[in-house]
N, C-alpha and C. Protein backbone atom coordinates (compact mmCIF):
# COMPACT_ATOMS: atom_id res chain seq x y z
N UNK A 1 -98.02 285.38 13.89
CA UNK A 1 -97.44 284.07 13.73
C UNK A 1 -98.52 283.09 13.27
N UNK A 2 -98.09 282.19 12.44
CA UNK A 2 -99.00 281.16 11.96
C UNK A 2 -98.79 279.91 12.81
N UNK A 3 -99.69 279.69 13.75
CA UNK A 3 -99.55 278.57 14.68
C UNK A 3 -99.65 277.22 13.98
N UNK A 4 -100.21 277.18 12.79
CA UNK A 4 -100.29 275.92 12.06
C UNK A 4 -98.91 275.44 11.61
N UNK A 5 -97.92 276.31 11.59
CA UNK A 5 -96.56 275.95 11.19
C UNK A 5 -95.71 275.45 12.35
N UNK A 6 -96.24 275.43 13.56
CA UNK A 6 -95.48 275.01 14.73
C UNK A 6 -95.50 273.50 14.86
N UNK A 7 -94.45 272.95 15.43
CA UNK A 7 -94.41 271.53 15.78
C UNK A 7 -94.59 271.45 17.29
N UNK A 8 -95.57 270.68 17.73
CA UNK A 8 -95.96 270.57 19.13
C UNK A 8 -95.75 269.11 19.56
N UNK A 9 -94.87 268.91 20.54
CA UNK A 9 -94.66 267.57 21.10
C UNK A 9 -94.90 267.63 22.60
N UNK A 10 -95.59 266.60 23.11
CA UNK A 10 -95.89 266.56 24.54
C UNK A 10 -95.60 265.17 25.09
N UNK A 11 -95.09 265.16 26.31
CA UNK A 11 -94.83 263.91 27.02
C UNK A 11 -95.58 264.00 28.35
N UNK A 12 -96.42 263.01 28.64
CA UNK A 12 -97.22 263.02 29.87
C UNK A 12 -96.51 262.24 30.97
N UNK A 13 -96.59 262.79 32.20
CA UNK A 13 -96.01 262.12 33.35
C UNK A 13 -96.83 262.49 34.59
N UNK A 14 -97.76 261.62 34.99
CA UNK A 14 -98.61 261.83 36.16
C UNK A 14 -99.35 263.17 36.15
N UNK A 15 -99.97 263.50 35.04
CA UNK A 15 -100.75 264.73 34.96
C UNK A 15 -99.95 265.95 34.57
N UNK A 16 -98.63 265.84 34.54
CA UNK A 16 -97.79 266.94 34.10
C UNK A 16 -97.33 266.63 32.68
N UNK A 17 -97.52 267.59 31.80
CA UNK A 17 -97.10 267.42 30.42
C UNK A 17 -95.89 268.30 30.17
N UNK A 18 -94.90 267.73 29.53
CA UNK A 18 -93.74 268.49 29.09
C UNK A 18 -93.97 268.83 27.62
N UNK A 19 -94.01 270.12 27.33
CA UNK A 19 -94.29 270.61 25.99
C UNK A 19 -93.00 271.09 25.35
N UNK A 20 -92.82 270.72 24.09
CA UNK A 20 -91.75 271.27 23.26
C UNK A 20 -92.43 271.83 22.03
N UNK A 21 -92.29 273.13 21.82
CA UNK A 21 -92.90 273.82 20.69
C UNK A 21 -91.77 274.35 19.82
N UNK A 22 -91.79 274.00 18.54
CA UNK A 22 -90.73 274.42 17.62
C UNK A 22 -91.31 275.23 16.48
N UNK A 23 -90.55 276.24 16.06
CA UNK A 23 -90.95 277.09 14.93
C UNK A 23 -89.69 277.51 14.19
N UNK A 24 -89.83 277.92 12.97
CA UNK A 24 -88.66 278.39 12.23
C UNK A 24 -88.16 279.68 12.88
N UNK A 25 -86.86 279.86 12.85
CA UNK A 25 -86.26 281.07 13.40
C UNK A 25 -86.75 282.30 12.63
N UNK A 26 -86.92 282.16 11.32
CA UNK A 26 -87.42 283.29 10.52
C UNK A 26 -88.78 283.75 11.01
N UNK A 27 -89.67 282.81 11.29
CA UNK A 27 -91.00 283.18 11.76
C UNK A 27 -90.92 283.86 13.13
N UNK A 28 -90.10 283.33 14.02
CA UNK A 28 -89.95 283.94 15.34
C UNK A 28 -89.43 285.37 15.23
N UNK A 29 -88.38 285.56 14.43
CA UNK A 29 -87.75 286.88 14.35
C UNK A 29 -88.54 287.89 13.51
N UNK A 30 -89.61 287.46 12.86
CA UNK A 30 -90.52 288.42 12.22
C UNK A 30 -91.21 289.28 13.27
N UNK A 31 -91.48 288.69 14.45
CA UNK A 31 -92.23 289.39 15.51
C UNK A 31 -91.38 289.81 16.69
N UNK A 32 -90.25 289.15 16.90
CA UNK A 32 -89.43 289.41 18.09
C UNK A 32 -87.97 289.61 17.68
N UNK A 33 -87.27 290.45 18.42
CA UNK A 33 -85.89 290.77 18.08
C UNK A 33 -84.87 289.91 18.82
N UNK A 34 -85.28 289.31 19.94
CA UNK A 34 -84.35 288.52 20.74
C UNK A 34 -85.08 287.35 21.39
N UNK A 35 -84.30 286.37 21.84
CA UNK A 35 -84.87 285.27 22.61
C UNK A 35 -85.08 285.75 24.03
N UNK A 36 -86.28 285.55 24.52
CA UNK A 36 -86.64 286.11 25.81
C UNK A 36 -87.74 285.22 26.40
N UNK A 37 -87.65 284.86 27.67
CA UNK A 37 -88.65 283.99 28.28
C UNK A 37 -90.02 284.65 28.38
N UNK A 38 -90.07 285.98 28.51
CA UNK A 38 -91.37 286.67 28.50
C UNK A 38 -92.03 286.53 27.13
N UNK A 39 -91.24 286.67 26.07
CA UNK A 39 -91.77 286.48 24.72
C UNK A 39 -92.24 285.04 24.53
N UNK A 40 -91.46 284.10 25.05
CA UNK A 40 -91.83 282.69 24.94
C UNK A 40 -93.16 282.43 25.65
N UNK A 41 -93.34 283.00 26.82
CA UNK A 41 -94.60 282.85 27.55
C UNK A 41 -95.76 283.44 26.76
N UNK A 42 -95.54 284.59 26.14
CA UNK A 42 -96.56 285.22 25.32
C UNK A 42 -96.95 284.32 24.15
N UNK A 43 -95.95 283.74 23.50
CA UNK A 43 -96.22 282.83 22.38
C UNK A 43 -97.00 281.61 22.86
N UNK A 44 -96.58 281.02 23.98
CA UNK A 44 -97.27 279.85 24.50
C UNK A 44 -98.70 280.18 24.91
N UNK A 45 -98.91 281.29 25.59
CA UNK A 45 -100.27 281.70 25.96
C UNK A 45 -101.15 281.81 24.72
N UNK A 46 -100.65 282.48 23.70
CA UNK A 46 -101.42 282.65 22.46
C UNK A 46 -101.67 281.32 21.77
N UNK A 47 -100.65 280.47 21.75
CA UNK A 47 -100.77 279.16 21.11
C UNK A 47 -101.80 278.29 21.82
N UNK A 48 -101.76 278.26 23.16
CA UNK A 48 -102.73 277.46 23.90
C UNK A 48 -104.14 278.01 23.72
N UNK A 49 -104.28 279.32 23.69
CA UNK A 49 -105.59 279.92 23.46
C UNK A 49 -106.09 279.55 22.07
N UNK A 50 -105.24 279.60 21.08
CA UNK A 50 -105.59 279.24 19.71
C UNK A 50 -106.10 277.80 19.64
N UNK A 51 -105.49 276.91 20.42
CA UNK A 51 -105.89 275.51 20.45
C UNK A 51 -107.05 275.23 21.39
N UNK A 52 -107.48 276.22 22.17
CA UNK A 52 -108.54 276.00 23.15
C UNK A 52 -108.07 275.14 24.31
N UNK A 53 -106.81 275.22 24.63
CA UNK A 53 -106.16 274.41 25.66
C UNK A 53 -106.10 275.23 26.95
N UNK A 54 -106.62 274.68 28.05
CA UNK A 54 -106.69 275.45 29.30
C UNK A 54 -105.61 275.05 30.31
N UNK A 55 -104.52 274.48 29.85
CA UNK A 55 -103.43 274.11 30.74
C UNK A 55 -102.74 275.32 31.34
N UNK A 56 -102.11 275.11 32.51
CA UNK A 56 -101.35 276.16 33.18
C UNK A 56 -99.87 275.93 32.91
N UNK A 57 -99.17 276.94 32.48
CA UNK A 57 -97.76 276.85 32.11
C UNK A 57 -96.84 277.11 33.29
N UNK A 58 -95.69 276.46 33.26
CA UNK A 58 -94.62 276.75 34.22
C UNK A 58 -93.28 276.37 33.58
N UNK A 59 -92.21 276.87 34.18
CA UNK A 59 -90.85 276.51 33.79
C UNK A 59 -90.58 276.70 32.29
N UNK A 60 -90.91 277.87 31.79
CA UNK A 60 -90.75 278.17 30.36
C UNK A 60 -89.29 278.50 30.05
N UNK A 61 -88.76 277.86 29.02
CA UNK A 61 -87.39 278.10 28.55
C UNK A 61 -87.43 278.24 27.03
N UNK A 62 -86.54 279.06 26.49
CA UNK A 62 -86.48 279.27 25.05
C UNK A 62 -85.02 279.13 24.60
N UNK A 63 -84.84 278.56 23.42
CA UNK A 63 -83.48 278.37 22.90
C UNK A 63 -83.51 278.41 21.37
N UNK A 64 -82.35 278.73 20.81
CA UNK A 64 -82.17 278.72 19.36
C UNK A 64 -81.30 277.52 19.00
N UNK A 65 -81.72 276.75 18.03
CA UNK A 65 -80.96 275.61 17.54
C UNK A 65 -80.37 275.99 16.19
N UNK A 66 -79.07 276.32 16.19
CA UNK A 66 -78.44 276.80 14.95
C UNK A 66 -78.23 275.69 13.93
N UNK A 67 -78.22 274.46 14.36
CA UNK A 67 -78.07 273.35 13.41
C UNK A 67 -79.28 273.26 12.47
N UNK A 68 -80.48 273.48 13.02
CA UNK A 68 -81.71 273.37 12.24
C UNK A 68 -82.37 274.72 11.97
N UNK A 69 -81.82 275.81 12.51
CA UNK A 69 -82.35 277.16 12.35
C UNK A 69 -83.80 277.25 12.85
N UNK A 70 -84.00 276.72 14.06
CA UNK A 70 -85.33 276.78 14.68
C UNK A 70 -85.23 277.37 16.07
N UNK A 71 -86.35 277.89 16.53
CA UNK A 71 -86.50 278.33 17.91
C UNK A 71 -87.34 277.28 18.61
N UNK A 72 -86.87 276.86 19.77
CA UNK A 72 -87.54 275.81 20.53
C UNK A 72 -87.94 276.38 21.89
N UNK A 73 -89.21 276.20 22.24
CA UNK A 73 -89.71 276.63 23.55
C UNK A 73 -90.12 275.37 24.32
N UNK A 74 -89.61 275.28 25.53
CA UNK A 74 -89.95 274.15 26.41
C UNK A 74 -90.71 274.68 27.61
N UNK A 75 -91.71 273.91 28.05
CA UNK A 75 -92.48 274.31 29.22
C UNK A 75 -93.19 273.10 29.81
N UNK A 76 -93.62 273.24 31.03
CA UNK A 76 -94.50 272.26 31.65
C UNK A 76 -95.92 272.78 31.56
N UNK A 77 -96.85 271.87 31.34
CA UNK A 77 -98.27 272.24 31.32
C UNK A 77 -98.98 271.39 32.37
N UNK A 78 -99.71 272.05 33.25
CA UNK A 78 -100.42 271.38 34.34
C UNK A 78 -101.91 271.35 34.01
N UNK A 79 -102.51 270.15 34.15
CA UNK A 79 -103.94 270.00 33.94
C UNK A 79 -104.67 269.55 35.19
N UNK A 80 -104.04 268.80 36.07
CA UNK A 80 -104.69 268.32 37.28
C UNK A 80 -104.98 269.48 38.21
N UNK A 81 -106.16 269.45 38.85
CA UNK A 81 -106.59 270.51 39.77
C UNK A 81 -106.61 271.87 39.09
N UNK A 82 -106.91 271.88 37.81
CA UNK A 82 -106.93 273.11 37.04
C UNK A 82 -108.38 273.54 36.84
N UNK A 83 -108.72 274.71 37.32
CA UNK A 83 -110.09 275.23 37.18
C UNK A 83 -110.22 276.12 35.96
N UNK A 84 -109.69 275.70 34.87
CA UNK A 84 -109.73 276.44 33.60
C UNK A 84 -108.96 277.75 33.71
N UNK A 85 -107.89 277.77 33.02
CA UNK A 85 -106.99 278.93 33.02
C UNK A 85 -107.67 280.12 32.38
N UNK A 86 -107.48 281.28 32.95
CA UNK A 86 -107.89 282.52 32.30
C UNK A 86 -106.72 282.98 31.44
N UNK A 87 -106.97 283.18 30.19
CA UNK A 87 -105.89 283.57 29.30
C UNK A 87 -105.51 285.03 29.53
N UNK A 88 -104.20 285.27 29.53
CA UNK A 88 -103.69 286.63 29.68
C UNK A 88 -103.69 287.30 28.33
N UNK A 89 -103.89 288.58 28.31
CA UNK A 89 -103.84 289.36 27.07
C UNK A 89 -102.81 290.44 27.20
C-alpha cells in the first residue's frame, strides 16, 4: 500500500486522538479480500510505523463508503502515559 495516498484526519480531546484514515477501495482490495478489523489494525500499525508515530491504538473500526468508493478506518490513538509503543510485525 502507498501510505502517501491515504487521507489522515485527527481530532484531539484531552490527550485522546480520534483518527479517521481513508483510502481508495481499489487500493485496499489489492491487498485484502474483505473488510476486517484485524486487517484494519494491521494497516494502522504499518501506517503509524511509516509515520514514526508511537501512539497506542484502540477501538478500531472499518467501513466501506459506497458513495465515494473508499474504505474508512476509525480508531482512537492514545499518547498520554505512553512509553513508546513497540510496533507489532
